[in-house]
C-alpha atoms as a PDB file:
ATOM      1  CA  MET A   1      22.365 -64.368   1.434  1.00  0.00           C
ATOM      2  CA  LEU A   2      20.936 -63.872   4.801  1.00  0.00           C
ATOM      3  CA  GLU A   3      17.916 -61.253   5.252  1.00  0.00           C
ATOM      4  CA  ILE A   4      16.433 -60.484   8.597  1.00  0.00           C
ATOM      5  CA  THR A   5      13.180 -58.540   9.019  1.00  0.00           C
ATOM      6  CA  ALA A   6      12.168 -56.811  12.050  1.00  0.00           C
ATOM      7  CA  TYR A   7       8.460 -56.105  12.833  1.00  0.00           C
ATOM      8  CA  GLU A   8       6.701 -54.139  15.790  1.00  0.00           C
ATOM      9  CA  TRP A   9       3.254 -55.152  16.544  1.00  0.00           C
ATOM     10  CA  ASP A  10       0.324 -52.605  17.654  1.00  0.00           C
ATOM     11  CA  THR A  11      -1.089 -53.107  20.887  1.00  0.00           C
ATOM     12  CA  SER A  12      -3.836 -55.305  19.934  1.00  0.00           C
ATOM     13  CA  HIS A  13      -1.430 -57.689  18.180  1.00  0.00           C
ATOM     14  CA  GLU A  14      -3.441 -57.731  15.151  1.00  0.00           C
ATOM     15  CA  ASP A  15      -1.198 -55.591  12.998  1.00  0.00           C
ATOM     16  CA  LYS A  16       2.427 -55.786  12.196  1.00  0.00           C
ATOM     17  CA  LYS A  17       4.948 -53.131  10.658  1.00  0.00           C
ATOM     18  CA  ILE A  18       8.191 -53.676   9.302  1.00  0.00           C
ATOM     19  CA  ILE A  19      10.494 -51.494  11.560  1.00  0.00           C
ATOM     20  CA  GLN A  20      14.033 -52.619   9.914  1.00  0.00           C
ATOM     21  CA  VAL A  21      15.579 -54.960   7.303  1.00  0.00           C
ATOM     22  CA  PHE A  22      19.014 -56.232   7.549  1.00  0.00           C
ATOM     23  CA  ARG A  23      20.875 -58.683   5.186  1.00  0.00           C
ATOM     24  CA  VAL A  24      24.328 -59.765   4.419  1.00  0.00           C
ATOM     25  CA  ASN A  25      25.271 -59.529   0.979  1.00  0.00           C
ATOM     26  CA  ALA A  26      27.173 -61.553  -1.092  1.00  0.00           C
ATOM     27  CA  ASP A  27      30.335 -59.736  -0.352  1.00  0.00           C
ATOM     28  CA  GLY A  28      29.819 -60.336   3.440  1.00  0.00           C
ATOM     29  CA  TYR A  29      28.895 -56.809   4.367  1.00  0.00           C
ATOM     30  CA  LEU A  30      25.851 -56.165   6.623  1.00  0.00           C
ATOM     31  CA  GLU A  31      23.294 -53.940   4.927  1.00  0.00           C
ATOM     32  CA  THR A  32      20.109 -52.275   5.952  1.00  0.00           C
ATOM     33  CA  LYS A  33      17.279 -51.373   3.667  1.00  0.00           C
ATOM     34  CA  SER A  34      15.796 -48.088   3.551  1.00  0.00           C
ATOM     35  CA  LEU A  35      12.084 -48.282   4.076  1.00  0.00           C
ATOM     36  CA  SER A  36      11.165 -45.280   2.275  1.00  0.00           C
ATOM     37  CA  GLU A  37      13.343 -45.988  -0.826  1.00  0.00           C
ATOM     38  CA  ASN A  38      14.249 -49.483  -2.538  1.00  0.00           C
ATOM     39  CA  LYS A  39      17.886 -49.320  -1.741  1.00  0.00           C
ATOM     40  CA  TRP A  40      20.195 -50.826   0.385  1.00  0.00           C
ATOM     41  CA  ASP A  41      23.053 -49.224   2.504  1.00  0.00           C
ATOM     42  CA  ILE A  42      26.116 -50.752   3.777  1.00  0.00           C
ATOM     43  CA  ILE A  43      26.369 -50.327   7.535  1.00  0.00           C
ATOM     44  CA  ASN A  44      29.332 -52.740   8.160  1.00  0.00           C
ATOM     45  CA  LYS A  45      32.305 -53.709   6.073  1.00  0.00           C
ATOM     46  CA  GLU A  46      33.968 -56.153   8.136  1.00  0.00           C
ATOM     47  CA  TYR A  47      33.638 -59.602   6.533  1.00  0.00           C
ATOM     48  CA  LEU A  48      31.716 -62.521   7.990  1.00  0.00           C
ATOM     49  CA  TYR A  49      33.442 -65.642   7.763  1.00  0.00           C
ATOM     50  CA  THR A  50      31.337 -68.682   7.408  1.00  0.00           C
ATOM     51  CA  ARG A  51      33.785 -70.945   9.227  1.00  0.00           C
ATOM     52  CA  ASP A  52      33.352 -68.903  12.608  1.00  0.00           C
ATOM     53  CA  VAL A  53      29.458 -69.305  12.395  1.00  0.00           C
ATOM     54  CA  ARG A  54      28.345 -72.109  14.049  1.00  0.00           C
END
């Protein structure tokens, strides 16, 4: 599984805030995490084939 977290820094670059979290689940679907709830939503059902990743 792969998980990517995107952050936004404040203007002083001292504090960061999570703005988006993505992951590829075990089925190969791309999901995004709801920041207000602890749940994942599928945003793409195209399979990702590891043989195509370099």
